[in-house]
């Protein structure tokens, strides 16, 4: 089953997603962790290290794919965990050369839809950063709106949608044991 997990930053989504992906994995089939974060500072490095340590010994095969998710190569009979949609959009939208791809969210949404179709067994992790009432600068608003677009697209494609907030897990769509 394809599953979307969303929630606030640093609320336990990744750890919960690892459990779900492991639970969904068929015996003797590959279990992939698609890592999308490009570290920008020491805090990011520490977060990546913590995630690696958390999944150590779980059988995950890590695939570093921080851009161009549509070109991902893997055995699609396996199970997947993509962490995170948020980082993937950031990488695609805000380019290394300083350019901004204002339509990156459309491409990312389409490629993630195709990935969900290829796999049929993927857990997507995203951050719920688009609902507060604060008005941000134009690019931040564009990013937030783009992430909301992608999450709505994935929610339609996924059999289950789950929100994780402060360790609380709430099933928003589907029929799955949480």
Foldseek 3Di string as FASTA:
>chain_A
DEEEEEEAPPQCRLLVQLVLQLVLWDPPAAEEEEEQADDDDPVSVVVVVVSCVSCPPSRYDYDHDNEDLLPDDDDLQGAYEYPAPLSSLVPQQQDPVRHGDLCSLVVSLVSVLVSCVSRVHYYYYYYQDQPDPDDDDPVVNSSSVSSVVSVVSSVVSDQWYWYGYNNDIDTPHHDDDD
